[in-house]
Amino acid sequence: MTTTAVAIPALRISSRETMHFYEAAFGAVVVAAYPDSGDSVDHAELTIGGAMFMCGTGQEDGVDQPLGGSSIYWVVQAGPEVDALYQQAIAAGATDERAPYDADYGGRHFSVRDPDGNSWSFGTYRPAGV
């Protein structure tokens, strides 16, 4: 049997509004959300540039991660895309952590926080093997 490893980030969010922030700030596309209306979201699947992440407002079973406790790095193709995405995220209400910069180890990057305190970094650096 062949096993393929796939990592899908999962975030805790405070409300459905945070999903709308992801759409505006990062161009995320909501693939699925349960329930599909109301302020709470038990489970949602979104994509950015074809890569998936999941989020939800919490589980009634008490198994939750802290709000704002996640950090994610997304690889983008080119430096100008990094700069444009940073401006889009700030315009949508993201909190600046680090404006676009060129790293010593290569690539162009930026970091922002979403309204719930999760850290989002985007950059052109592609780790070896990815």
C-alpha atoms as a PDB file:
ATOM      1  CA  MET A   1       0.000   0.000   0.000  1.00  0.00           C
ATOM      2  CA  THR A   2       1.221   3.505  -0.830  1.00  0.00           C
ATOM      3  CA  THR A   3       0.540   6.307   1.624  1.00  0.00           C
ATOM      4  CA  THR A   4       0.530   9.946   0.586  1.00  0.00           C
ATOM      5  CA  ALA A   5       1.124  12.497   3.313  1.00  0.00           C
ATOM      6  CA  VAL A   6      -1.047  15.592   3.203  1.00  0.00           C
ATOM      7  CA  ALA A   7      -0.942  18.291   5.865  1.00  0.00           C
ATOM      8  CA  ILE A   8      -4.035  20.471   6.216  1.00  0.00           C
ATOM      9  CA  PRO A   9      -3.803  23.381   8.676  1.00  0.00           C
ATOM     10  CA  ALA A  10      -6.752  23.726  11.067  1.00  0.00           C
ATOM     11  CA  LEU A  11      -7.603  26.950  12.905  1.00  0.00           C
ATOM     12  CA  ARG A  12     -10.026  27.922  15.610  1.00  0.00           C
ATOM     13  CA  ILE A  13     -11.985  31.054  14.704  1.00  0.00           C
ATOM     14  CA  SER A  14     -14.402  33.201  16.705  1.00  0.00           C
ATOM     15  CA  SER A  15     -17.186  33.468  14.115  1.00  0.00           C
ATOM     16  CA  ARG A  16     -18.196  33.155  10.477  1.00  0.00           C
ATOM     17  CA  GLU A  17     -16.969  36.755  10.021  1.00  0.00           C
ATOM     18  CA  THR A  18     -13.399  35.478  10.224  1.00  0.00           C
ATOM     19  CA  MET A  19     -14.092  33.268   7.190  1.00  0.00           C
ATOM     20  CA  HIS A  20     -15.265  36.367   5.316  1.00  0.00           C
ATOM     21  CA  PHE A  21     -12.049  38.082   6.383  1.00  0.00           C
ATOM     22  CA  TYR A  22     -10.049  35.212   4.811  1.00  0.00           C
ATOM     23  CA  GLU A  23     -11.956  35.719   1.565  1.00  0.00           C
ATOM     24  CA  ALA A  24     -11.232  39.461   1.503  1.00  0.00           C
ATOM     25  CA  ALA A  25      -7.676  39.383   2.859  1.00  0.00           C
ATOM     26  CA  PHE A  26      -6.214  36.317   1.162  1.00  0.00           C
ATOM     27  CA  GLY A  27      -8.615  35.488  -1.666  1.00  0.00           C
ATOM     28  CA  ALA A  28      -9.762  32.335   0.134  1.00  0.00           C
ATOM     29  CA  VAL A  29     -12.609  30.328  -1.357  1.00  0.00           C
ATOM     30  CA  VAL A  30     -15.091  28.608   0.971  1.00  0.00           C
ATOM     31  CA  VAL A  31     -15.463  25.029  -0.274  1.00  0.00           C
ATOM     32  CA  ALA A  32     -17.742  23.831   2.547  1.00  0.00           C
ATOM     33  CA  ALA A  33     -19.123  25.175   5.820  1.00  0.00           C
ATOM     34  CA  TYR A  34     -21.309  23.339   8.363  1.00  0.00           C
ATOM     35  CA  PRO A  35     -23.747  24.629   9.299  1.00  0.00           C
ATOM     36  CA  ASP A  36     -23.967  26.760   6.190  1.00  0.00           C
ATOM     37  CA  SER A  37     -25.591  29.744   7.934  1.00  0.00           C
ATOM     38  CA  GLY A  38     -25.559  31.506  11.286  1.00  0.00           C
ATOM     39  CA  ASP A  39     -22.582  32.912  13.155  1.00  0.00           C
ATOM     40  CA  SER A  40     -21.000  29.667  14.368  1.00  0.00           C
ATOM     41  CA  VAL A  41     -19.187  27.221  12.093  1.00  0.00           C
ATOM     42  CA  ASP A  42     -18.605  23.680  13.363  1.00  0.00           C
ATOM     43  CA  HIS A  43     -16.362  22.852  10.399  1.00  0.00           C
ATOM     44  CA  ALA A  44     -15.310  24.741   7.280  1.00  0.00           C
ATOM     45  CA  GLU A  45     -12.970  23.979   4.402  1.00  0.00           C
ATOM     46  CA  LEU A  46     -11.361  26.823   2.454  1.00  0.00           C
ATOM     47  CA  THR A  47      -8.690  27.064  -0.216  1.00  0.00           C
ATOM     48  CA  ILE A  48      -6.068  29.666  -1.043  1.00  0.00           C
ATOM     49  CA  GLY A  49      -4.371  29.127  -4.384  1.00  0.00           C
ATOM     50  CA  GLY A  50      -5.554  25.524  -4.444  1.00  0.00           C
ATOM     51  CA  ALA A  51      -4.175  24.623  -0.984  1.00  0.00           C
ATOM     52  CA  MET A  52      -6.734  23.752   1.686  1.00  0.00           C
ATOM     53  CA  PHE A  53      -7.121  24.781   5.300  1.00  0.00           C
ATOM     54  CA  MET A  54      -9.921  24.074   7.750  1.00  0.00           C
ATOM     55  CA  CYS A  55     -11.433  26.156  10.520  1.00  0.00           C
ATOM     56  CA  GLY A  56     -14.270  26.200  13.004  1.00  0.00           C
ATOM     57  CA  THR A  57     -15.638  28.098  15.974  1.00  0.00           C
ATOM     58  CA  GLY A  58     -15.155  25.223  18.414  1.00  0.00           C
ATOM     59  CA  GLN A  59     -16.555  21.866  19.340  1.00  0.00           C
ATOM     60  CA  GLU A  60     -19.180  21.096  21.941  1.00  0.00           C
ATOM     61  CA  ASP A  61     -17.136  18.057  23.031  1.00  0.00           C
ATOM     62  CA  GLY A  62     -14.676  20.419  24.696  1.00  0.00           C
ATOM     63  CA  VAL A  63     -11.724  19.451  22.488  1.00  0.00           C
ATOM     64  CA  ASP A  64     -10.613  22.860  21.289  1.00  0.00           C
ATOM     65  CA  GLN A  65      -7.406  24.604  20.474  1.00  0.00           C
ATOM     66  CA  PRO A  66      -6.905  28.109  21.821  1.00  0.00           C
ATOM     67  CA  LEU A  67      -8.279  30.976  19.779  1.00  0.00           C
ATOM     68  CA  GLY A  68      -5.446  32.747  17.987  1.00  0.00           C
ATOM     69  CA  GLY A  69      -2.915  30.030  18.661  1.00  0.00           C
ATOM     70  CA  SER A  70      -2.033  29.058  15.088  1.00  0.00           C
ATOM     71  CA  SER A  71       0.685  30.065  12.660  1.00  0.00           C
ATOM     72  CA  ILE A  72       0.641  29.227   8.941  1.00  0.00           C
ATOM     73  CA  TYR A  73       3.112  29.812   6.091  1.00  0.00           C
ATOM     74  CA  TRP A  74       1.856  29.837   2.478  1.00  0.00           C
ATOM     75  CA  VAL A  75       4.166  29.670  -0.529  1.00  0.00           C
ATOM     76  CA  VAL A  76       3.389  32.088  -3.377  1.00  0.00           C
ATOM     77  CA  GLN A  77       5.062  32.248  -6.778  1.00  0.00           C
ATOM     78  CA  ALA A  78       6.669  35.686  -7.090  1.00  0.00           C
ATOM     79  CA  GLY A  79       7.787  38.720  -5.078  1.00  0.00           C
ATOM     80  CA  PRO A  80       5.219  41.091  -6.623  1.00  0.00           C
ATOM     81  CA  GLU A  81       2.476  38.668  -5.513  1.00  0.00           C
ATOM     82  CA  VAL A  82       3.800  38.903  -1.933  1.00  0.00           C
ATOM     83  CA  ASP A  83       3.613  42.708  -2.020  1.00  0.00           C
ATOM     84  CA  ALA A  84       0.115  42.777  -3.553  1.00  0.00           C
ATOM     85  CA  LEU A  85      -1.248  40.186  -1.116  1.00  0.00           C
ATOM     86  CA  TYR A  86       0.182  42.128   1.827  1.00  0.00           C
ATOM     87  CA  GLN A  87      -1.627  45.297   0.684  1.00  0.00           C
ATOM     88  CA  GLN A  88      -4.852  43.312   0.193  1.00  0.00           C
ATOM     89  CA  ALA A  89      -4.596  41.772   3.676  1.00  0.00           C
ATOM     90  CA  ILE A  90      -3.940  45.126   5.374  1.00  0.00           C
ATOM     91  CA  ALA A  91      -6.835  46.741   3.465  1.00  0.00           C
ATOM     92  CA  ALA A  92      -9.118  43.926   4.698  1.00  0.00           C
ATOM     93  CA  GLY A  93      -8.163  44.617   8.325  1.00  0.00           C
ATOM     94  CA  ALA A  94      -5.202  42.312   9.013  1.00  0.00           C
ATOM     95  CA  THR A  95      -2.782  43.429  11.724  1.00  0.00           C
ATOM     96  CA  ASP A  96       0.761  43.942  10.455  1.00  0.00           C
ATOM     97  CA  GLU A  97       3.435  41.731  12.030  1.00  0.00           C
ATOM     98  CA  ARG A  98       6.135  42.262   9.419  1.00  0.00           C
ATOM     99  CA  ALA A  99       5.830  44.160   6.134  1.00  0.00           C
ATOM    100  CA  PRO A 100       7.246  42.532   2.976  1.00  0.00           C
ATOM    101  CA  TYR A 101      10.999  41.944   3.227  1.00  0.00           C
ATOM    102  CA  ASP A 102      13.751  39.944   1.520  1.00  0.00           C
ATOM    103  CA  ALA A 103      15.079  37.223   3.839  1.00  0.00           C
ATOM    104  CA  ASP A 104      18.778  36.347   4.167  1.00  0.00           C
ATOM    105  CA  TYR A 105      17.959  32.696   3.438  1.00  0.00           C
ATOM    106  CA  GLY A 106      16.075  33.607   0.260  1.00  0.00           C
ATOM    107  CA  GLY A 107      12.615  34.641  -0.754  1.00  0.00           C
ATOM    108  CA  ARG A 108      10.330  37.583  -0.120  1.00  0.00           C
ATOM    109  CA  HIS A 109       7.922  37.356   2.839  1.00  0.00           C
ATOM    110  CA  PHE A 110       5.376  39.116   5.045  1.00  0.00           C
ATOM    111  CA  SER A 111       3.425  38.248   8.190  1.00  0.00           C
ATOM    112  CA  VAL A 112       0.049  39.479   9.451  1.00  0.00           C
ATOM    113  CA  ARG A 113      -2.481  38.460  12.099  1.00  0.00           C
ATOM    114  CA  ASP A 114      -6.132  37.759  11.422  1.00  0.00           C
ATOM    115  CA  PRO A 115      -8.885  39.259  13.646  1.00  0.00           C
ATOM    116  CA  ASP A 116      -8.640  36.222  15.962  1.00  0.00           C
ATOM    117  CA  GLY A 117      -4.868  36.513  16.416  1.00  0.00           C
ATOM    118  CA  ASN A 118      -3.721  33.668  14.142  1.00  0.00           C
ATOM    119  CA  SER A 119      -0.445  34.455  12.379  1.00  0.00           C
ATOM    120  CA  TRP A 120      -0.346  34.216   8.566  1.00  0.00           C
ATOM    121  CA  SER A 121       2.912  34.394   6.633  1.00  0.00           C
ATOM    122  CA  PHE A 122       3.200  34.387   2.857  1.00  0.00           C
ATOM    123  CA  GLY A 123       6.425  34.171   0.922  1.00  0.00           C
ATOM    124  CA  THR A 124       8.290  32.930  -2.101  1.00  0.00           C
ATOM    125  CA  TYR A 125      10.684  30.704  -0.136  1.00  0.00           C
ATOM    126  CA  ARG A 126       9.949  27.086  -0.959  1.00  0.00           C
ATOM    127  CA  PRO A 127      11.508  24.631   1.526  1.00  0.00           C
ATOM    128  CA  ALA A 128      13.619  21.840   0.051  1.00  0.00           C
ATOM    129  CA  GLY A 129      11.508  18.921  -1.087  1.00  0.00           C
ATOM    130  CA  VAL A 130       8.321  20.932  -1.500  1.00  0.00           C
END
